[in-house]
């Protein structure tokens, strides 16, 4: 449990890494809008964009906000785990 706490609740890596994650998040969300409206496709980009957004926000926080950064990282991983669980139970969501 101590290793998990050290990995998740470490200090944020900085604004540069946060901006990279946030820009990837915006690209994923724009791709979701495009595939959702034009192609009527899956929600893969939505879940990926949300997870990257939470990760980017966590990395952009000041160094003294380690606890909030850890919580945001857990939420980001939780979104991806929730998507995998949803995909395992209803695989048609990916191939709509």
Protein backbone atom coordinates (compact mmCIF):
# COMPACT_ATOMS: atom_id res chain seq x y z
CA UNK A 1 0.00 0.00 0.00
CA UNK A 2 2.91 2.34 0.66
CA UNK A 3 4.19 1.98 -2.91
CA UNK A 4 0.74 2.85 -4.26
CA UNK A 5 0.60 5.98 -2.10
CA UNK A 6 4.08 7.08 -3.20
CA UNK A 7 3.20 6.65 -6.88
CA UNK A 8 -0.24 8.26 -6.81
CA UNK A 9 0.31 11.00 -4.24
CA UNK A 10 3.68 12.20 -5.56
CA UNK A 11 4.18 15.86 -6.30
CA UNK A 12 2.84 17.09 -9.67
CA UNK A 13 5.29 16.88 -12.55
CA UNK A 14 4.80 20.43 -13.79
CA UNK A 15 2.83 22.62 -16.09
CA UNK A 16 4.55 21.43 -19.27
CA UNK A 17 3.39 17.85 -18.78
CA UNK A 18 -0.02 19.13 -17.69
CA UNK A 19 -0.38 21.21 -20.86
CA UNK A 20 0.54 18.19 -22.98
CA UNK A 21 -2.17 16.10 -21.29
CA UNK A 22 -4.71 18.92 -21.56
CA UNK A 23 -3.99 19.44 -25.25
CA UNK A 24 -4.35 15.70 -25.89
CA UNK A 25 -7.59 15.83 -23.95
CA UNK A 26 -8.94 18.62 -26.11
CA UNK A 27 -7.95 16.72 -29.27
CA UNK A 28 -9.75 13.62 -27.99
CA UNK A 29 -12.86 15.60 -27.10
CA UNK A 30 -12.90 17.26 -30.52
CA UNK A 31 -12.48 13.83 -32.13
CA UNK A 32 -15.39 12.58 -30.02
CA UNK A 33 -17.59 15.44 -31.20
CA UNK A 34 -16.61 14.80 -34.82
CA UNK A 35 -17.12 11.03 -34.66
CA UNK A 36 -20.31 11.42 -32.66
CA UNK A 37 -21.98 13.97 -34.90
CA UNK A 38 -20.62 13.14 -38.33
CA UNK A 39 -19.96 9.42 -38.12
CA UNK A 40 -22.33 8.43 -35.27
CA UNK A 41 -19.53 6.34 -33.79
CA UNK A 42 -18.33 5.18 -30.38
CA UNK A 43 -17.64 7.03 -27.13
CA UNK A 44 -14.01 5.91 -26.85
CA UNK A 45 -12.67 9.43 -27.34
CA UNK A 46 -14.98 10.83 -24.66
CA UNK A 47 -13.63 8.58 -21.92
CA UNK A 48 -10.03 9.02 -23.07
CA UNK A 49 -10.42 12.80 -23.24
CA UNK A 50 -11.92 12.98 -19.76
CA UNK A 51 -9.15 10.82 -18.28
CA UNK A 52 -6.43 12.86 -19.96
CA UNK A 53 -8.09 16.08 -18.81
CA UNK A 54 -8.11 15.01 -15.17
CA UNK A 55 -4.48 13.87 -15.46
CA UNK A 56 -3.45 17.14 -17.08
CA UNK A 57 -5.17 19.18 -14.41
CA UNK A 58 -3.47 17.06 -11.70
CA UNK A 59 -0.04 17.63 -13.21
CA UNK A 60 -0.63 21.39 -13.55
CA UNK A 61 -1.28 21.92 -9.84
CA UNK A 62 1.30 23.55 -7.54
CA UNK A 63 3.72 21.28 -5.70
CA UNK A 64 2.01 21.70 -2.31
CA UNK A 65 -1.29 20.28 -3.68
CA UNK A 66 -0.08 16.65 -3.67
CA UNK A 67 -3.26 15.24 -2.16
CA UNK A 68 -5.56 16.86 -4.73
CA UNK A 69 -3.25 15.73 -7.53
CA UNK A 70 -3.43 12.16 -6.22
CA UNK A 71 -7.22 12.27 -6.05
CA UNK A 72 -7.42 13.58 -9.62
CA UNK A 73 -5.07 10.81 -10.80
CA UNK A 74 -7.29 8.22 -9.13
CA UNK A 75 -10.36 9.71 -10.82
CA UNK A 76 -8.58 9.57 -14.21
CA UNK A 77 -7.69 5.91 -13.79
CA UNK A 78 -11.19 5.21 -12.45
CA UNK A 79 -12.71 6.65 -15.63
CA UNK A 80 -10.63 4.32 -17.77
CA UNK A 81 -11.43 1.31 -15.57
CA UNK A 82 -15.12 2.19 -15.72
CA UNK A 83 -14.92 2.38 -19.52
CA UNK A 84 -13.21 -1.02 -19.70
CA UNK A 85 -15.88 -2.52 -17.42
CA UNK A 86 -18.62 -0.98 -19.52
CA UNK A 87 -16.96 -2.23 -22.67
CA UNK A 88 -16.63 -5.74 -21.25
CA UNK A 89 -20.31 -5.85 -20.35
CA UNK A 90 -21.67 -4.10 -23.47
CA UNK A 91 -19.14 -4.48 -26.34
CA UNK A 92 -21.58 -2.97 -28.84
CA UNK A 93 -20.73 0.48 -27.44
CA UNK A 94 -17.42 0.44 -29.27
CA UNK A 95 -18.89 -0.65 -32.57
CA UNK A 96 -22.08 1.42 -32.78
